[in-house]
Each structure stands twice: as structure tokens, then as C-alpha cells.
Amino acid sequence: MLFSEIYSTYYTAMAKLIEKAIDGELSNKNANEIINSVAFSESFVYILDNIKSEQWQLITKDFKTNIKNYPKMPITNLQKSFLKAISLDNRFRLFCDDITGLDDVEPLYFENDFYCFDKILDGDPYNDEEYIKIFRTVLSAIKEHRRLNIVFRSGKGIIRKGVYFPQKLEYSEKDDKFRIICSGGSVINMARIKTCTFGATVNIHKVKPINRNESTVLISIKNERKALERCMLHFANFKKETRQIDDKFYEMKLTYYKDDETEVLIRILSFGPMLKVISPQSFQDLIKERLNKQKSCELR
């Protein structure tokens, strides 16, 4: 697997342990600290047992090693091809300018190798230099726990300005847009920001966790034309509970943020008669309202 955290964890932990052993600084105590910092919480038991039994023959039970050189994990040609492919993604420059050493590498895939359906075509302008500048400013503010002075255009076209504390970025694959989730629950679409400058640094320990209103909808799935499989894939980024009712029907309890209600509504409608909203009544009313507007050609 490419860059798998699960399969590479033990290799990374052992590499760091060997480095310490080469320097003559490895002990039972710092071995535990190293393993806990790079592996899973229970990994130290498995790794230390193999060290003390000398099963792996890399480090002796008294934490010495016969290895002379620091271990290296050279990148494979397949990994280089994968990195080359993602470096060609329009969103790549939002996070990094370039990856060096890949000039002669053939990409593992190209963007036109994939066909995306049911996706809005007016995504964020990822190649716009001003958008990239604003995105990186927001990203730095999140990492450095800084406030931002933001001027943006609201969904109703009104210019607003204020001081916000960004805490996380959210990406909608369907809308192909980034949003900023700020302290206090404010949500700002990245592409609507006109100007963005750094403000004061914030003591993160005094900031209340983001509290976003959650709602749930209970839907019935008629498992025809792989509706269950498509539904699980379609709502993969949402919290959900699914149970089988009988051979043909399933129920799914979907939890979503209130901000995403319109998107959830559209996704459910896209399944046609395969999905039916059981509750709440308020969501059923939204379905009826949406269908009535479509029927009268007042599409929104």
C-alpha cells in the first residue's frame, strides 16, 4: 500500500529505536516514549517483547545494536509516481509550491483518467493567485493559532468584515469548495473572501471547542440498483448508523451539520424512489417544498 500509516508504523518506530541504539542512548524508558510517539498506544508491548526476546535480531535485549549506519527508507518509484500525480492536482498549490526531484517521473494517473458525476462545476478558483495567497494565510493562522481580519461577501452578496479565529478547514467534494470553520460557529466560504490579514495570537487553551448544530434524518433505503452501496459511498463523510430491516430494505440514521442541510437534501433527492425520508417531519416538509418548486420551475 502507498504511504500506509498502518503498515509503516512499526518500521518507523524501529528506525528511530535503531538510531538511538547506534548513539548508545537507548533504554527501556525512552524506548517506550519513542514507540508511543510514532506508533499506536498498544504497540510498545508488541515491539518491546520482540526486542527483549531478540526475535527481530536488530536490537539486543540490553538495547544495543550491531548496525553501524542510520536506517534509511528510500522512496520507491511507485511512490514517486503517486507524488507526481497529486502534484498535478489544482488544489496541490494551496498547500505546497512543488515537489523537487520528480521532473523525469511519469505520473501514476492523470486527472482525465477519472470521470466525476453529480458534482458542481463552479468549484473554487484554485489557480487564482489571490485565492492561493488567502488560502495559505488562513492555513498559517490555523497552525499558529492566530486571529484573522477578514472582509468577505456573504451568500446574499453583502460585504461583511470582522475579526475571526479560524480553527479548521472543511472541504466539500460535491461542491468542490473550501470553507473555514471559526470559533463561535461562523462558517465562511474561502472563495468569498476579499481580503485576509493576520491578527493577534490566541491562547488555544482558553478557546471553547467549536459547537456546530447537528441534526439527524432517518431514511429508508430500497436496495435496488445497488442503492445501499451507492448510499454508503455518497454519505461516506457523514456520521451514520445503518441497520437491515429485511431482505430488501435498510434504515440509515444520518447525522449532519445544520449548515449542510441543503446539500444533504439534494443528495437524498438524487436517489429518487430508492430513498424515503421517515423522519423528522421538518425534513419531509423540506423535501415537499423542494419538489413543489421544481414542479413549478422555480429551481434553486
Protein backbone atom coordinates (compact mmCIF):
# COMPACT_ATOMS: atom_id res chain seq x y z
CA MET A 1 0.00 0.00 0.00
CA LEU A 2 1.14 3.57 -0.71
CA PHE A 3 2.20 5.59 2.33
CA SER A 4 0.11 3.42 4.65
CA GLU A 5 0.22 4.62 8.26
CA ILE A 6 -0.86 1.21 9.46
CA TYR A 7 1.77 -0.86 7.64
CA SER A 8 4.67 1.56 8.06
CA THR A 9 4.23 2.35 11.77
CA TYR A 10 6.43 -0.46 13.10
CA TYR A 11 9.15 0.30 10.52
CA THR A 12 9.20 3.96 11.55
CA ALA A 13 9.31 3.09 15.25
CA MET A 14 12.13 0.58 14.78
CA ALA A 15 14.14 3.03 12.66
CA LYS A 16 14.03 5.60 15.47
CA LEU A 17 14.93 2.97 18.07
CA ILE A 18 17.91 1.80 15.99
CA GLU A 19 19.12 5.41 15.66
CA LYS A 20 19.05 5.80 19.45
CA ALA A 21 20.79 2.42 19.89
CA ILE A 22 23.57 3.43 17.45
CA ASP A 23 24.11 6.58 19.54
CA GLY A 24 24.21 4.41 22.68
CA GLU A 25 21.26 6.28 24.18
CA LEU A 26 18.50 3.66 24.01
CA SER A 27 16.90 2.44 27.24
CA ASN A 28 13.69 0.77 28.29
CA LYS A 29 12.25 4.14 29.34
CA ASN A 30 12.96 6.18 26.21
CA ALA A 31 12.09 3.18 24.02
CA ASN A 32 8.56 3.39 25.43
CA GLU A 33 8.47 7.14 24.77
CA ILE A 34 9.68 6.74 21.17
CA ILE A 35 7.20 3.98 20.37
CA ASN A 36 4.26 5.89 21.86
CA SER A 37 5.16 9.00 19.87
CA VAL A 38 5.15 7.31 16.43
CA ALA A 39 3.08 4.13 16.81
CA PHE A 40 -0.20 3.02 18.33
CA SER A 41 -0.90 3.11 22.07
CA GLU A 42 -0.56 -0.67 22.45
CA SER A 43 2.42 -1.03 20.07
CA PHE A 44 5.08 -0.73 22.77
CA VAL A 45 4.07 -4.12 24.20
CA TYR A 46 4.46 -5.93 20.87
CA ILE A 47 7.64 -4.13 19.82
CA LEU A 48 9.41 -4.37 23.19
CA ASP A 49 8.53 -8.06 23.50
CA ASN A 50 10.22 -8.72 20.16
CA ILE A 51 13.25 -6.66 21.16
CA LYS A 52 13.68 -8.36 24.53
CA SER A 53 13.26 -11.82 23.01
CA GLU A 54 15.70 -10.77 20.23
CA GLN A 55 13.30 -12.24 17.69
CA TRP A 56 13.90 -9.44 15.19
CA GLN A 57 17.71 -9.53 15.69
CA LEU A 58 18.01 -5.78 15.18
CA ILE A 59 18.37 -4.65 18.78
CA THR A 60 19.56 -6.85 21.64
CA LYS A 61 17.69 -7.29 24.91
CA ASP A 62 20.08 -4.86 26.60
CA PHE A 63 19.18 -2.24 23.95
CA LYS A 64 22.39 -2.45 21.92
CA THR A 65 22.72 -2.92 18.15
CA ASN A 66 25.36 -4.15 15.71
CA ILE A 67 24.01 -1.86 12.98
CA LYS A 68 26.54 0.86 12.16
CA ASN A 69 24.55 3.26 9.92
CA TYR A 70 21.29 5.07 10.50
CA PRO A 71 18.41 3.26 8.71
CA LYS A 72 17.01 4.92 5.61
CA MET A 73 13.65 4.41 3.94
CA PRO A 74 14.22 5.43 0.30
CA ILE A 75 11.14 6.42 -1.66
CA THR A 76 10.08 3.88 -4.31
CA ASN A 77 9.38 4.61 -7.97
CA LEU A 78 5.71 3.84 -7.36
CA GLN A 79 5.57 6.39 -4.54
CA LYS A 80 7.31 8.95 -6.78
CA SER A 81 4.70 8.35 -9.47
CA PHE A 82 1.94 8.85 -6.93
CA LEU A 83 3.50 12.09 -5.66
CA LYS A 84 3.88 13.31 -9.23
CA ALA A 85 0.19 12.61 -9.86
CA ILE A 86 -1.07 14.53 -6.83
CA SER A 87 1.32 17.41 -7.57
CA LEU A 88 -0.65 17.94 -10.79
CA ASP A 89 -3.90 18.42 -8.87
CA ASN A 90 -5.15 22.03 -8.98
CA ARG A 91 -5.53 22.01 -5.19
CA PHE A 92 -1.91 20.99 -4.61
CA ARG A 93 -0.54 24.54 -4.85
CA LEU A 94 -2.77 25.59 -1.99
CA PHE A 95 -0.50 23.66 0.36
CA CYS A 96 2.86 23.41 -1.41
CA ASP A 97 4.66 25.06 -4.34
CA ASP A 98 6.39 22.00 -5.76
CA ILE A 99 7.93 18.62 -5.02
CA THR A 100 11.56 18.50 -6.08
CA GLY A 101 13.18 15.53 -7.79
CA LEU A 102 10.15 14.48 -9.84
CA ASP A 103 10.96 16.16 -13.15
CA ASP A 104 11.52 12.90 -15.07
CA VAL A 105 8.85 10.88 -13.24
CA GLU A 106 5.75 9.66 -15.07
CA PRO A 107 2.54 10.37 -13.10
CA LEU A 108 0.68 7.33 -11.77
CA TYR A 109 -2.53 8.79 -13.22
CA PHE A 110 -3.91 11.94 -14.82
CA GLU A 111 -6.99 13.96 -13.91
CA ASN A 112 -8.77 13.00 -17.13
CA ASP A 113 -8.47 9.33 -16.16
CA PHE A 114 -11.42 9.90 -13.83
CA TYR A 115 -14.99 10.83 -14.60
CA CYS A 116 -16.76 12.66 -11.78
CA PHE A 117 -20.55 12.84 -11.82
CA ASP A 118 -23.11 14.63 -9.66
CA LYS A 119 -20.57 17.35 -8.91
CA ILE A 120 -21.00 21.11 -9.15
CA LEU A 121 -18.87 22.63 -11.93
CA ASP A 122 -18.25 26.07 -10.38
CA GLY A 123 -15.72 25.00 -7.74
CA ASP A 124 -13.23 27.31 -6.06
CA PRO A 125 -10.68 29.07 -8.33
CA TYR A 126 -7.64 27.02 -7.28
CA ASN A 127 -5.36 28.53 -9.93
CA ASP A 128 -6.10 32.13 -8.94
CA GLU A 129 -3.05 33.67 -7.28
CA GLU A 130 -5.10 35.80 -4.88
CA TYR A 131 -7.13 32.76 -3.80
CA ILE A 132 -3.90 30.81 -3.17
CA LYS A 133 -2.50 33.71 -1.12
CA ILE A 134 -5.66 33.92 1.01
CA PHE A 135 -5.80 30.13 1.46
CA ARG A 136 -2.21 29.98 2.72
CA THR A 137 -2.84 32.89 5.08
CA VAL A 138 -5.82 31.04 6.57
CA LEU A 139 -3.83 27.80 6.80
CA SER A 140 -0.97 29.56 8.62
CA ALA A 141 -3.43 31.22 11.01
CA ILE A 142 -4.91 27.81 11.93
CA LYS A 143 -1.47 26.32 12.54
CA GLU A 144 -0.19 29.32 14.52
CA HIS A 145 -3.47 29.93 16.43
CA ARG A 146 -3.89 33.47 15.14
CA ARG A 147 -6.94 35.63 14.54
CA LEU A 148 -7.72 36.93 11.07
CA ASN A 149 -9.11 40.26 9.87
CA ILE A 150 -11.46 39.12 7.09
CA VAL A 151 -13.53 41.03 4.56
CA PHE A 152 -15.88 38.73 2.62
CA ARG A 153 -19.04 38.66 0.54
CA SER A 154 -21.94 36.81 2.16
CA GLY A 155 -24.21 34.39 0.33
CA LYS A 156 -26.67 37.27 -0.19
CA GLY A 157 -23.98 39.46 -1.75
CA ILE A 158 -23.48 41.71 1.30
CA ILE A 159 -19.91 42.76 2.10
CA ARG A 160 -19.05 41.92 5.70
CA LYS A 161 -15.90 42.35 7.76
CA GLY A 162 -14.77 41.23 11.16
CA VAL A 163 -12.14 39.54 13.30
CA TYR A 164 -12.38 35.74 13.27
CA PHE A 165 -10.44 32.89 14.84
CA PRO A 166 -10.22 30.04 12.27
CA GLN A 167 -9.99 26.57 13.80
CA LYS A 168 -10.35 24.17 10.89
CA LEU A 169 -10.79 23.88 7.14
CA GLU A 170 -13.64 21.91 5.61
CA TYR A 171 -13.78 20.67 2.02
CA SER A 172 -16.96 19.71 0.19
CA GLU A 173 -16.21 17.18 -2.54
CA LYS A 174 -19.65 17.66 -4.09
CA ASP A 175 -19.37 21.46 -4.20
CA ASP A 176 -15.59 21.42 -4.78
CA LYS A 177 -15.23 24.27 -2.30
CA PHE A 178 -13.32 25.00 0.91
CA ARG A 179 -14.93 26.55 3.98
CA ILE A 180 -13.40 27.99 7.14
CA ILE A 181 -14.90 26.91 10.45
CA CYS A 182 -14.28 29.63 13.03
CA SER A 183 -14.60 29.82 16.79
CA GLY A 184 -18.19 30.57 17.71
CA GLY A 185 -19.54 28.52 14.82
CA SER A 186 -19.07 31.04 11.99
CA VAL A 187 -18.60 29.42 8.58
CA ILE A 188 -17.01 31.38 5.71
CA ASN A 189 -16.62 30.18 2.12
CA MET A 190 -12.97 30.59 1.14
CA ALA A 191 -13.76 31.89 -2.37
CA ARG A 192 -15.92 34.71 -0.96
CA ILE A 193 -13.05 36.29 0.99
CA LYS A 194 -11.91 39.62 -0.46
CA THR A 195 -9.04 40.39 1.93
CA CYS A 196 -7.47 38.49 4.79
CA THR A 197 -4.69 39.63 7.15
CA PHE A 198 -3.17 38.25 10.35
CA GLY A 199 -4.38 39.38 13.75
CA ALA A 200 -3.29 38.61 17.30
CA THR A 201 -2.14 35.19 18.52
CA VAL A 202 -4.72 33.32 20.62
CA ASN A 203 -4.18 31.16 23.71
CA ILE A 204 -5.70 27.96 22.33
CA HIS A 205 -6.34 26.59 25.84
CA LYS A 206 -8.82 29.40 26.52
CA VAL A 207 -10.79 28.87 23.32
CA LYS A 208 -14.05 26.96 23.53
CA PRO A 209 -14.37 23.96 21.19
CA ILE A 210 -16.36 24.53 18.02
CA ASN A 211 -20.02 23.93 18.71
CA ARG A 212 -21.93 23.34 15.49
CA ASN A 213 -25.60 22.47 15.49
CA GLU A 214 -26.21 18.87 14.48
CA SER A 215 -29.39 17.40 13.03
CA THR A 216 -30.42 13.87 12.13
CA VAL A 217 -32.59 12.39 9.41
CA LEU A 218 -33.88 8.82 9.28
CA ILE A 219 -34.14 7.39 5.78
CA SER A 220 -35.39 4.11 4.35
CA ILE A 221 -33.29 2.55 1.58
CA LYS A 222 -34.81 0.25 -1.01
CA ASN A 223 -31.84 -1.85 -2.04
CA GLU A 224 -32.34 -1.98 -5.79
CA ARG A 225 -29.74 -0.99 -8.42
CA LYS A 226 -27.10 -1.12 -5.66
CA ALA A 227 -28.83 1.70 -3.77
CA LEU A 228 -27.35 0.68 -0.41
CA GLU A 229 -23.81 0.58 -1.77
CA ARG A 230 -24.24 3.92 -3.53
CA CYS A 231 -25.82 5.44 -0.44
CA MET A 232 -22.95 4.34 1.81
CA LEU A 233 -20.48 5.84 -0.67
CA HIS A 234 -22.50 9.02 -1.18
CA PHE A 235 -22.70 9.74 2.56
CA ALA A 236 -19.24 8.37 3.45
CA ASN A 237 -18.20 11.68 5.04
CA PHE A 238 -21.22 11.81 7.38
CA LYS A 239 -21.78 10.11 10.72
CA LYS A 240 -24.37 7.39 10.24
CA GLU A 241 -25.94 4.24 11.67
CA THR A 242 -27.36 1.63 9.29
CA ARG A 243 -29.45 -1.45 10.03
CA GLN A 244 -31.16 -4.06 7.90
CA ILE A 245 -34.96 -4.23 8.10
CA ASP A 246 -35.48 -7.20 5.77
CA ASP A 247 -34.03 -8.69 2.59
CA LYS A 248 -34.91 -5.59 0.58
CA PHE A 249 -34.97 -2.59 2.93
CA TYR A 250 -32.46 -0.85 5.20
CA GLU A 251 -32.69 2.12 7.53
CA MET A 252 -29.98 4.75 7.90
CA LYS A 253 -29.80 7.39 10.62
CA LEU A 254 -27.74 10.21 9.18
CA THR A 255 -26.18 12.92 11.35
CA TYR A 256 -25.14 16.18 9.68
CA TYR A 257 -24.33 19.78 10.49
CA LYS A 258 -27.24 22.17 10.04
CA ASP A 259 -25.08 24.16 7.60
CA ASP A 260 -25.05 21.13 5.29
CA GLU A 261 -28.82 20.58 5.29
CA THR A 262 -29.35 21.76 1.71
CA GLU A 263 -26.55 19.54 0.44
CA VAL A 264 -27.95 16.51 2.31
CA LEU A 265 -31.40 17.29 0.91
CA ILE A 266 -30.09 17.38 -2.67
CA ARG A 267 -28.15 14.16 -2.21
CA ILE A 268 -31.21 12.32 -0.88
CA LEU A 269 -33.37 13.58 -3.74
CA SER A 270 -30.78 12.36 -6.26
CA PHE A 271 -31.67 8.75 -5.34
CA GLY A 272 -35.29 9.16 -6.42
CA PRO A 273 -37.68 6.40 -5.22
CA MET A 274 -34.82 4.34 -3.75
CA LEU A 275 -34.71 6.59 -0.65
CA LYS A 276 -37.59 7.70 1.56
CA VAL A 277 -37.36 10.12 4.50
CA ILE A 278 -39.06 8.59 7.55
CA SER A 279 -38.40 11.44 10.00
CA PRO A 280 -38.30 14.20 11.09
CA GLN A 281 -41.41 15.89 9.72
CA SER A 282 -39.45 19.13 9.21
CA PHE A 283 -37.12 17.38 6.73
CA GLN A 284 -40.09 15.80 4.95
CA ASP A 285 -41.53 19.31 4.59
CA LEU A 286 -38.25 20.49 3.03
CA ILE A 287 -38.47 17.63 0.51
CA LYS A 288 -42.04 18.62 -0.41
CA GLU A 289 -41.10 22.30 -0.70
CA ARG A 290 -38.15 21.49 -2.95
CA LEU A 291 -40.21 19.23 -5.20
CA ASN A 292 -43.02 21.79 -5.48
CA LYS A 293 -40.52 24.46 -6.56
CA GLN A 294 -39.05 22.11 -9.14
CA LYS A 295 -42.54 21.29 -10.40
CA SER A 296 -43.30 24.99 -10.89
CA CYS A 297 -39.82 25.51 -12.46
CA GLU A 298 -38.72 27.76 -9.59
CA LEU A 299 -35.47 25.83 -9.28
CA ARG A 300 -33.00 26.87 -6.57
